[in-house]
Amino acid sequence: MITLAWPWLLLALPLPWLVRRLVKPASPQIGTTLRLPFYRELAAAEGGGVSRSRRWHLWLGWVAWLLLVLAACRPQWLGDPVELPMVGRDLVLAVDVSGSMEQEDYRLRGRTVTRLDVVKAVAGRFIESRAGDRLGLILFGTRAYVQTPLTHDRETVRTMLNEAVIGLAGRDTAIGDAIALAVKRLRKQPQDNRVLILLTDGTNTAGSIPPMAAAQLAAQAGVRVYTIGIGGGQVGVRSVFGMLLQRGSDLDPATLRAIAQTTGGRFFEATDAAQLEQVYAELDRLEPSVRDKRTFRPMTALFMWPAGAALFLSLGMAVSSLPRRVRATRAAGVVNDVH
């Protein structure tokens, strides 16, 4: 559709008429005049039609003025609305890929899988549900690495998570470094939308920053940390006789709970796949996606068309007035000859 950005400028349309009606014409110069008794015959001989020509120039002048006012109103063509990416939270997932994550003590779809496999399945569905959020992925073991920076591309984040392998970042667990790295990525983002979900199955055994010191940094930067402890149940150990189940786990729930409390988050523990599903469902409830739909209508300026038409009309009026000027010059020459 065509709209006018400044429609109030249409009020200038009657301005020339008002000036002509309200402003007094300039006083004619008083001087010596010469009467020509045959002036009408001279005008007729030169072609006549002076009043008709002035009438056409007057109408063309009004049309040119109308076009100039229309151009000043900034006409523009608005296209169909285009939806922009939805504005949501900045959410980073920090996933433990240390050596203990290869323990096969979870069951998924009726078969025994590693801890990392169940995390990939459950967290992958969580990633897909976060429409509108910017997601990032950190993998940590002995060191912490940014696998995916903050992005709206959920498919890429899920793909990078699915491609993670045990020991990619080392066999130990650097929880503090993972939190500090996430804070570094989130601290420049808008406040109240900075969220870190940290998932681990062990205690901090590596890294240069203690977990609680990193939690203090997160609290100062306004980053809410939700910690998820997995394992904690029966640990699977393979032997020549098959799978043996033994009690014991390296999980440190006290530290994970303290990290969450310090930053305003919550601590969850999931000893099986169903509990992990419930954890991510609860996270969806606690940190819902902010689905603020925004639209954009592409705009194309059209002011150059009426402005160009007014320019051509003005040029046409100037060219058409040349014969009249020539006639006036000839008439002046005749008067000079008579004088």
Protein backbone atom coordinates (compact mmCIF):
# COMPACT_ATOMS: atom_id res chain seq x y z
CA MET A 1 0.00 0.00 0.00
CA ILE A 2 1.02 3.62 -0.57
CA THR A 3 1.20 5.92 2.45
CA LEU A 4 2.38 9.45 3.20
CA ALA A 5 5.01 9.85 5.89
CA TRP A 6 4.15 13.56 6.45
CA PRO A 7 0.50 13.97 5.34
CA TRP A 8 0.14 17.24 7.26
CA LEU A 9 2.17 18.96 4.51
CA LEU A 10 -0.95 18.73 2.32
CA LEU A 11 -2.09 21.83 4.20
CA ALA A 12 0.34 23.78 1.99
CA LEU A 13 -1.73 23.11 -1.15
CA PRO A 14 -3.80 26.36 -1.03
CA LEU A 15 -0.74 28.48 -0.19
CA PRO A 16 -0.31 30.03 -3.70
CA TRP A 17 -4.05 30.87 -3.86
CA LEU A 18 -3.90 32.50 -0.42
CA VAL A 19 -0.85 34.54 -1.42
CA ARG A 20 -2.59 35.71 -4.58
CA ARG A 21 -5.74 36.66 -2.65
CA LEU A 22 -4.19 38.25 0.40
CA VAL A 23 -1.01 39.88 -0.85
CA LYS A 24 -1.49 43.10 -2.82
CA PRO A 25 0.09 43.18 -6.27
CA ALA A 26 3.12 45.39 -6.78
CA SER A 27 2.37 48.95 -7.89
CA PRO A 28 2.97 49.45 -11.62
CA GLN A 29 5.91 51.62 -12.52
CA ILE A 30 4.79 55.08 -13.56
CA GLY A 31 6.53 56.23 -16.68
CA THR A 32 6.08 57.40 -20.20
CA THR A 33 3.86 55.16 -22.31
CA LEU A 34 3.21 55.02 -26.00
CA ARG A 35 -0.26 54.20 -27.27
CA LEU A 36 -0.45 52.04 -30.33
CA PRO A 37 -3.83 52.31 -32.02
CA PHE A 38 -3.14 49.12 -33.99
CA TYR A 39 -1.87 46.99 -31.02
CA ARG A 40 -4.80 44.56 -31.19
CA GLU A 41 -4.24 44.03 -34.90
CA LEU A 42 -0.52 43.51 -34.19
CA ALA A 43 -1.33 40.89 -31.53
CA ALA A 44 -3.74 39.15 -33.90
CA ALA A 45 -1.12 39.18 -36.62
CA GLU A 46 1.37 37.53 -34.21
CA GLY A 47 -1.08 34.69 -33.47
CA GLY A 48 -3.20 36.01 -30.58
CA GLY A 49 -4.36 33.59 -27.90
CA VAL A 50 -2.38 35.32 -25.15
CA SER A 51 -5.09 34.77 -22.53
CA ARG A 52 -5.50 31.10 -23.50
CA SER A 53 -1.73 30.55 -23.17
CA ARG A 54 -1.69 32.17 -19.74
CA ARG A 55 -4.62 29.99 -18.66
CA TRP A 56 -2.74 26.83 -19.63
CA HIS A 57 0.37 28.01 -17.83
CA LEU A 58 -1.71 28.70 -14.74
CA TRP A 59 -3.16 25.18 -14.73
CA LEU A 60 0.23 23.59 -15.34
CA GLY A 61 1.66 25.68 -12.50
CA TRP A 62 -1.03 24.35 -10.16
CA VAL A 63 -0.30 20.78 -11.22
CA ALA A 64 3.44 21.30 -10.65
CA TRP A 65 2.73 22.77 -7.20
CA LEU A 66 0.50 19.81 -6.35
CA LEU A 67 3.26 17.40 -7.37
CA LEU A 68 5.86 19.27 -5.31
CA VAL A 69 3.65 19.21 -2.21
CA LEU A 70 3.00 15.49 -2.77
CA ALA A 71 6.74 14.84 -3.00
CA ALA A 72 7.30 16.82 0.23
CA CYS A 73 4.78 14.53 1.99
CA ARG A 74 7.20 11.64 1.37
CA PRO A 75 5.00 9.03 -0.35
CA GLN A 76 6.25 5.50 0.20
CA TRP A 77 5.27 1.96 -0.67
CA LEU A 78 4.91 -0.41 2.31
CA GLY A 79 5.40 -4.08 1.55
CA ASP A 80 3.92 -7.07 3.34
CA PRO A 81 4.90 -7.53 7.03
CA VAL A 82 8.01 -9.66 7.58
CA GLU A 83 8.50 -11.37 10.94
CA LEU A 84 11.80 -10.63 12.64
CA PRO A 85 13.62 -13.14 14.88
CA MET A 86 11.86 -13.30 18.25
CA VAL A 87 13.60 -11.72 21.19
CA GLY A 88 14.23 -14.17 24.05
CA ARG A 89 16.78 -15.14 26.65
CA ASP A 90 20.53 -15.59 26.31
CA LEU A 91 20.99 -19.16 27.52
CA VAL A 92 24.25 -21.13 27.68
CA LEU A 93 24.42 -24.89 28.22
CA ALA A 94 27.61 -26.13 29.86
CA VAL A 95 27.89 -29.92 29.42
CA ASP A 96 30.42 -32.15 31.15
CA VAL A 97 32.30 -34.40 28.69
CA SER A 98 34.85 -35.75 31.17
CA GLY A 99 35.78 -39.41 31.40
CA SER A 100 33.06 -40.28 33.93
CA MET A 101 30.35 -39.37 31.41
CA GLU A 102 31.01 -42.64 29.56
CA GLN A 103 29.49 -44.67 32.40
CA GLU A 104 26.58 -46.77 31.08
CA ASP A 105 24.17 -46.45 33.97
CA TYR A 106 21.14 -44.94 32.19
CA ARG A 107 18.46 -46.56 30.08
CA LEU A 108 16.92 -44.89 27.05
CA ARG A 109 14.24 -46.48 24.85
CA GLY A 110 14.79 -49.84 26.48
CA ARG A 111 18.56 -50.03 26.13
CA THR A 112 21.54 -49.13 28.30
CA VAL A 113 23.33 -45.92 27.26
CA THR A 114 26.07 -43.66 28.56
CA ARG A 115 25.39 -40.56 30.60
CA LEU A 116 26.42 -38.35 27.69
CA ASP A 117 24.03 -40.19 25.35
CA VAL A 118 21.03 -39.49 27.55
CA VAL A 119 22.12 -35.86 27.96
CA LYS A 120 22.30 -35.49 24.18
CA ALA A 121 18.79 -36.90 23.76
CA VAL A 122 17.07 -34.93 26.53
CA ALA A 123 19.01 -31.67 26.17
CA GLY A 124 18.55 -31.83 22.40
CA ARG A 125 14.77 -31.73 22.80
CA PHE A 126 15.15 -28.89 25.28
CA ILE A 127 17.19 -26.93 22.71
CA GLU A 128 14.51 -27.45 20.08
CA SER A 129 11.85 -26.02 22.40
CA ARG A 130 13.72 -22.73 23.02
CA ALA A 131 12.31 -20.81 20.05
CA GLY A 132 13.34 -17.16 20.24
CA ASP A 133 16.26 -17.68 22.62
CA ARG A 134 19.91 -17.23 21.76
CA LEU A 135 21.68 -20.44 22.75
CA GLY A 136 25.32 -21.18 23.38
CA LEU A 137 27.16 -24.42 24.13
CA ILE A 138 30.21 -24.95 26.36
CA LEU A 139 31.88 -28.35 26.67
CA PHE A 140 34.16 -28.88 29.63
CA GLY A 141 36.44 -31.53 31.02
CA THR A 142 39.97 -30.69 32.16
CA ARG A 143 39.42 -27.40 30.33
CA ALA A 144 36.34 -25.51 29.17
CA TYR A 145 35.73 -24.60 25.53
CA VAL A 146 33.05 -22.60 23.72
CA GLN A 147 31.68 -25.07 21.22
CA THR A 148 28.94 -22.74 19.91
CA PRO A 149 28.69 -18.98 20.58
CA LEU A 150 25.32 -17.42 21.32
CA THR A 151 23.09 -17.88 18.29
CA HIS A 152 19.44 -18.20 17.23
CA ASP A 153 20.41 -21.25 15.15
CA ARG A 154 19.10 -24.01 17.40
CA GLU A 155 19.80 -26.70 14.82
CA THR A 156 23.52 -25.91 14.86
CA VAL A 157 23.65 -25.96 18.65
CA ARG A 158 21.95 -29.34 18.74
CA THR A 159 24.25 -30.71 16.03
CA MET A 160 27.36 -29.58 17.93
CA LEU A 161 26.03 -31.22 21.09
CA ASN A 162 25.36 -34.48 19.25
CA GLU A 163 28.90 -34.45 17.87
CA ALA A 164 30.50 -34.08 21.33
CA VAL A 165 32.62 -37.04 22.43
CA ILE A 166 33.96 -38.18 25.78
CA GLY A 167 37.38 -36.76 26.59
CA LEU A 168 37.16 -34.02 23.95
CA ALA A 169 38.14 -31.45 26.60
CA GLY A 170 40.11 -33.81 28.85
CA ARG A 171 39.22 -36.56 31.34
CA ASP A 172 38.94 -34.40 34.49
CA THR A 173 36.22 -31.93 35.54
CA ALA A 174 36.72 -28.13 35.63
CA ILE A 175 33.35 -26.85 36.87
CA GLY A 176 34.69 -23.45 37.96
CA ASP A 177 36.31 -22.76 34.59
CA ALA A 178 33.08 -23.66 32.77
CA ILE A 179 31.07 -21.19 34.88
CA ALA A 180 33.66 -18.44 34.44
CA LEU A 181 33.73 -18.94 30.67
CA ALA A 182 29.93 -18.75 30.50
CA VAL A 183 29.95 -15.53 32.57
CA LYS A 184 32.46 -14.03 30.16
CA ARG A 185 30.11 -14.78 27.25
CA LEU A 186 26.94 -13.58 29.01
CA ARG A 187 28.00 -10.49 30.94
CA LYS A 188 27.65 -8.15 27.92
CA GLN A 189 24.12 -9.34 27.16
CA PRO A 190 20.92 -7.65 28.45
CA GLN A 191 20.30 -8.22 32.13
CA ASP A 192 17.52 -10.48 33.47
CA ASN A 193 18.01 -12.76 30.45
CA ARG A 194 21.39 -14.27 31.34
CA VAL A 195 21.01 -17.97 32.13
CA LEU A 196 23.53 -20.80 32.49
CA ILE A 197 22.49 -24.45 32.72
CA LEU A 198 25.42 -26.51 33.97
CA LEU A 199 25.26 -30.30 33.79
CA THR A 200 27.88 -32.52 35.40
CA ASP A 201 28.24 -35.92 37.03
CA GLY A 202 31.31 -35.27 39.17
CA THR A 203 33.16 -32.99 41.50
CA ASN A 204 35.59 -30.22 40.55
CA THR A 205 39.00 -31.87 39.97
CA ALA A 206 40.70 -29.45 37.58
CA GLY A 207 40.76 -25.86 36.39
CA SER A 208 42.21 -22.61 37.70
CA ILE A 209 39.03 -21.13 39.26
CA PRO A 210 37.26 -22.75 42.24
CA PRO A 211 33.56 -23.37 41.66
CA MET A 212 32.37 -21.04 44.44
CA ALA A 213 34.63 -18.22 43.25
CA ALA A 214 33.15 -18.62 39.76
CA ALA A 215 29.66 -18.61 41.31
CA GLN A 216 30.43 -15.26 42.96
CA LEU A 217 31.49 -13.88 39.58
CA ALA A 218 28.23 -15.13 38.06
CA ALA A 219 26.18 -13.51 40.83
CA GLN A 220 27.97 -10.17 40.31
CA ALA A 221 27.33 -10.36 36.54
CA GLY A 222 23.64 -11.18 37.03
CA VAL A 223 23.92 -14.70 35.58
CA ARG A 224 21.49 -17.26 37.02
CA VAL A 225 23.06 -20.71 37.19
CA TYR A 226 20.90 -23.82 37.20
CA THR A 227 22.95 -26.89 38.10
CA ILE A 228 21.99 -30.44 37.16
CA GLY A 229 23.70 -33.40 38.76
CA ILE A 230 23.43 -36.69 36.94
CA GLY A 231 24.63 -40.12 38.01
CA GLY A 232 24.49 -40.40 41.76
CA GLY A 233 22.85 -43.79 41.48
CA GLN A 234 24.36 -47.09 40.52
CA VAL A 235 27.53 -46.82 38.48
CA GLY A 236 27.91 -49.29 35.65
CA VAL A 237 31.26 -51.01 35.22
CA ARG A 238 32.01 -53.38 32.36
CA SER A 239 33.85 -56.57 33.09
CA VAL A 240 34.57 -59.82 31.27
CA PHE A 241 31.31 -61.13 32.72
CA GLY A 242 29.18 -58.26 31.33
CA MET A 243 27.69 -55.32 33.21
CA LEU A 244 28.16 -55.18 36.98
CA LEU A 245 26.30 -52.56 39.01
CA GLN A 246 28.13 -50.96 41.89
CA ARG A 247 27.17 -48.24 44.33
CA GLY A 248 29.05 -44.97 44.36
CA SER A 249 29.41 -41.73 42.50
CA ASP A 250 31.71 -38.72 42.32
CA LEU A 251 28.77 -36.30 42.25
CA ASP A 252 29.11 -33.33 44.62
CA PRO A 253 25.52 -32.16 45.19
CA ALA A 254 26.49 -29.81 48.05
CA THR A 255 28.72 -27.68 45.80
CA LEU A 256 26.21 -27.70 42.95
CA ARG A 257 23.43 -26.61 45.32
CA ALA A 258 25.59 -23.82 46.72
CA ILE A 259 26.42 -22.56 43.23
CA ALA A 260 22.72 -22.41 42.34
CA GLN A 261 21.75 -20.66 45.58
CA THR A 262 24.51 -18.07 45.20
CA THR A 263 23.37 -17.08 41.73
CA GLY A 264 19.60 -17.25 42.22
CA GLY A 265 19.16 -20.51 40.35
CA ARG A 266 18.18 -24.01 41.44
CA PHE A 267 19.86 -27.38 41.82
CA PHE A 268 18.38 -30.52 40.25
CA GLU A 269 19.43 -34.13 40.48
CA ALA A 270 18.50 -36.74 37.90
CA THR A 271 19.40 -40.36 38.46
CA ASP A 272 17.54 -41.62 35.39
CA ALA A 273 16.33 -40.40 32.00
CA ALA A 274 12.77 -39.73 33.19
CA GLN A 275 14.01 -37.45 35.97
CA LEU A 276 16.24 -35.63 33.52
CA GLU A 277 13.22 -35.04 31.28
CA GLN A 278 11.37 -33.58 34.28
CA VAL A 279 14.33 -31.33 35.08
CA TYR A 280 14.32 -29.77 31.63
CA ALA A 281 10.54 -29.41 31.74
CA GLU A 282 10.91 -27.53 35.04
CA LEU A 283 13.62 -25.34 33.51
CA ASP A 284 11.19 -24.46 30.71
CA ARG A 285 8.72 -23.36 33.37
CA LEU A 286 11.26 -21.39 35.41
CA GLU A 287 12.87 -19.70 32.38
CA PRO A 288 10.13 -19.47 29.73
CA SER A 289 11.05 -18.19 26.30
CA VAL A 290 10.19 -14.52 25.89
CA ARG A 291 8.33 -14.73 22.59
CA ASP A 292 8.04 -11.07 21.66
CA LYS A 293 7.01 -11.23 18.02
CA ARG A 294 8.13 -8.27 15.96
CA THR A 295 7.37 -7.49 12.37
CA PHE A 296 9.02 -5.28 9.80
CA ARG A 297 7.42 -3.79 6.70
CA PRO A 298 9.91 -3.03 3.91
CA MET A 299 9.53 0.55 2.68
CA THR A 300 10.33 1.98 -0.76
CA ALA A 301 10.48 5.77 -1.13
CA LEU A 302 8.42 7.21 -4.01
CA PHE A 303 8.97 10.96 -3.60
CA MET A 304 11.27 11.13 -6.65
CA TRP A 305 8.37 10.39 -9.03
CA PRO A 306 6.16 13.41 -8.25
CA ALA A 307 9.27 15.58 -7.82
CA GLY A 308 10.56 14.48 -11.23
CA ALA A 309 7.15 15.08 -12.84
CA ALA A 310 7.06 18.59 -11.37
CA LEU A 311 10.53 19.25 -12.79
CA PHE A 312 9.49 18.13 -16.28
CA LEU A 313 6.33 20.26 -16.11
CA SER A 314 8.42 23.29 -15.13
CA LEU A 315 10.79 22.68 -18.03
CA GLY A 316 7.82 22.31 -20.38
CA MET A 317 6.33 25.58 -19.18
CA ALA A 318 9.65 27.32 -19.65
CA VAL A 319 10.03 25.97 -23.19
CA SER A 320 6.43 26.79 -24.15
CA SER A 321 6.84 30.36 -22.97
CA LEU A 322 9.73 30.99 -25.38
CA PRO A 323 7.49 31.86 -28.41
CA ARG A 324 5.58 34.34 -26.29
CA ARG A 325 8.80 35.98 -25.24
CA VAL A 326 9.87 36.11 -28.88
CA ARG A 327 6.56 37.78 -29.80
CA ALA A 328 6.99 40.25 -26.97
CA THR A 329 10.48 41.06 -28.21
CA ARG A 330 9.23 41.59 -31.76
CA ALA A 331 6.41 43.84 -30.50
CA ALA A 332 8.93 45.88 -28.56
CA GLY A 333 10.98 46.22 -31.73
CA VAL A 334 7.95 47.50 -33.65
CA VAL A 335 7.21 50.02 -30.92
CA ASN A 336 10.80 51.24 -31.07
CA ASP A 337 10.55 51.61 -34.84
CA VAL A 338 7.29 53.64 -34.50
CA HIS A 339 8.82 55.79 -31.79
